[in-house]
Amino acid sequence: MSTILIVDDDPRFRTQASDVLGSDGFVVVGEAVDGASGLEAARSLQPDFVLLDIGLPDIEGFEVAQALSINGPPPFVVLTSSRDARAYGRRLANGHFLGFIPKERISGAAIRALVDRG
């Protein structure tokens, strides 16, 4: 089983994602409400995956993903947003993350498909 940390400022989304991913075989080891607490949680919990909202209130998800890649082996970072991928343009083309999944399509299968692709 893979472990995952959910970083999102919306408590309803965190609950929904936790329920969906838990039923899809992931173990949700923690949740964080912003980038700073997400970085801290990722370093202390060392999850296999981080589901990371791009639009966090303090630090943009792209920056959090980059920071996670600096020290030691990073977790697989999956960016998410309620906005369409086109809103981010070329920023999703490459970076310190496994890929992007829109919030309405979050599932264990979608995350595993990114791993298989990448």
Protein backbone atom coordinates (compact mmCIF):
# COMPACT_ATOMS: atom_id res chain seq x y z
CA MET A 1 0.00 0.00 0.00
CA SER A 2 1.17 3.49 -0.84
CA THR A 3 1.03 6.36 1.63
CA ILE A 4 -0.24 9.80 0.67
CA LEU A 5 -0.36 13.29 2.19
CA ILE A 6 -3.17 15.61 1.08
CA VAL A 7 -2.34 19.33 0.96
CA ASP A 8 -5.36 21.51 0.26
CA ASP A 9 -7.03 24.46 1.99
CA ASP A 10 -10.57 23.13 1.38
CA PRO A 11 -11.62 20.80 4.22
CA ARG A 12 -14.44 19.27 2.13
CA PHE A 13 -12.02 18.36 -0.64
CA ARG A 14 -9.53 16.88 1.84
CA THR A 15 -12.29 14.68 3.29
CA GLN A 16 -13.54 13.59 -0.14
CA ALA A 17 -10.03 12.87 -1.45
CA SER A 18 -9.16 10.97 1.72
CA ASP A 19 -12.28 8.81 1.40
CA VAL A 20 -11.74 8.10 -2.32
CA LEU A 21 -8.02 7.39 -2.05
CA GLY A 22 -8.49 5.30 1.09
CA SER A 23 -11.03 3.13 -0.67
CA ASP A 24 -8.63 2.84 -3.63
CA GLY A 25 -5.88 1.32 -1.48
CA PHE A 26 -3.89 4.39 -0.41
CA VAL A 27 -3.13 5.06 3.23
CA VAL A 28 -3.70 8.75 3.99
CA VAL A 29 -0.99 9.56 6.52
CA GLY A 30 -1.84 13.22 6.95
CA GLU A 31 -3.44 16.41 5.76
CA ALA A 32 -2.20 19.98 5.56
CA VAL A 33 -4.05 23.23 4.90
CA ASP A 34 -1.29 25.30 3.27
CA GLY A 35 2.13 25.05 1.68
CA ALA A 36 4.20 25.65 4.80
CA SER A 37 2.40 22.99 6.84
CA GLY A 38 2.46 20.70 3.79
CA LEU A 39 6.25 20.96 3.56
CA GLU A 40 6.59 20.26 7.27
CA ALA A 41 4.19 17.30 7.12
CA ALA A 42 5.91 15.82 4.07
CA ARG A 43 9.30 16.00 5.76
CA SER A 44 8.08 14.43 8.99
CA LEU A 45 5.67 11.84 7.57
CA GLN A 46 7.71 10.92 4.46
CA PRO A 47 4.73 9.80 2.35
CA ASP A 48 5.15 8.03 -0.97
CA PHE A 49 2.84 10.60 -2.61
CA VAL A 50 1.72 14.17 -1.98
CA LEU A 51 -1.59 15.30 -3.48
CA LEU A 52 -0.93 19.03 -3.74
CA ASP A 53 -3.37 21.81 -4.57
CA ILE A 54 -1.82 24.44 -6.85
CA GLY A 55 -3.81 27.33 -5.36
CA LEU A 56 -2.76 27.32 -1.72
CA PRO A 57 -3.22 30.44 0.44
CA ASP A 58 0.46 30.96 1.28
CA ILE A 59 2.78 29.25 -1.22
CA GLU A 60 1.80 28.21 -4.73
CA GLY A 61 1.77 24.44 -5.25
CA PHE A 62 4.47 24.66 -7.95
CA GLU A 63 6.85 26.19 -5.39
CA VAL A 64 5.96 23.58 -2.76
CA ALA A 65 6.69 20.81 -5.28
CA GLN A 66 10.07 22.33 -6.04
CA ALA A 67 10.91 22.66 -2.34
CA LEU A 68 10.00 19.02 -1.75
CA SER A 69 12.54 17.96 -4.37
CA ILE A 70 15.52 19.62 -2.68
CA ASN A 71 16.46 17.45 0.31
CA GLY A 72 16.61 13.69 0.05
CA PRO A 73 14.47 11.52 -2.16
CA PRO A 74 11.24 13.41 -2.82
CA PRO A 75 7.77 11.92 -2.71
CA PHE A 76 5.80 11.63 -5.94
CA VAL A 77 3.93 14.93 -6.19
CA VAL A 78 0.55 15.02 -7.92
CA LEU A 79 -0.75 18.52 -8.53
CA THR A 80 -4.46 19.18 -8.47
CA SER A 81 -6.81 22.10 -8.92
CA SER A 82 -10.45 22.89 -9.48
CA ARG A 83 -9.24 24.92 -12.48
CA ASP A 84 -8.68 23.29 -15.85
CA ALA A 85 -5.13 22.30 -16.79
CA ARG A 86 -5.20 24.89 -19.61
CA ALA A 87 -5.24 27.62 -16.97
CA TYR A 88 -1.66 26.69 -16.08
CA GLY A 89 -0.35 26.34 -19.62
CA ARG A 90 3.30 25.42 -19.98
CA ARG A 91 3.85 25.31 -16.22
CA LEU A 92 2.39 21.79 -16.26
CA ALA A 93 4.71 20.68 -19.07
CA ASN A 94 7.61 19.96 -16.76
CA GLY A 95 8.54 20.49 -13.18
CA HIS A 96 9.15 18.77 -9.88
CA PHE A 97 5.95 16.73 -9.98
CA LEU A 98 4.59 13.50 -11.39
CA GLY A 99 1.62 15.10 -13.11
CA PHE A 100 -1.70 16.91 -12.79
CA ILE A 101 -5.19 15.57 -12.06
CA PRO A 102 -8.25 17.85 -11.88
CA LYS A 103 -9.95 17.67 -8.48
CA GLU A 104 -13.11 16.11 -9.89
CA ARG A 105 -11.08 13.22 -11.30
CA ILE A 106 -9.02 12.30 -8.24
CA SER A 107 -8.80 8.55 -7.75
CA GLY A 108 -6.24 5.92 -6.95
CA ALA A 109 -6.45 4.71 -10.55
CA ALA A 110 -5.69 8.21 -11.87
CA ILE A 111 -2.63 8.49 -9.64
CA ARG A 112 -1.41 5.01 -10.61
CA ALA A 113 -1.85 5.93 -14.29
CA LEU A 114 0.54 8.87 -13.77
CA VAL A 115 3.09 6.52 -12.20
CA ASP A 116 2.75 4.07 -15.08
CA ARG A 117 3.18 6.90 -17.59
CA GLY A 118 6.11 8.46 -15.90
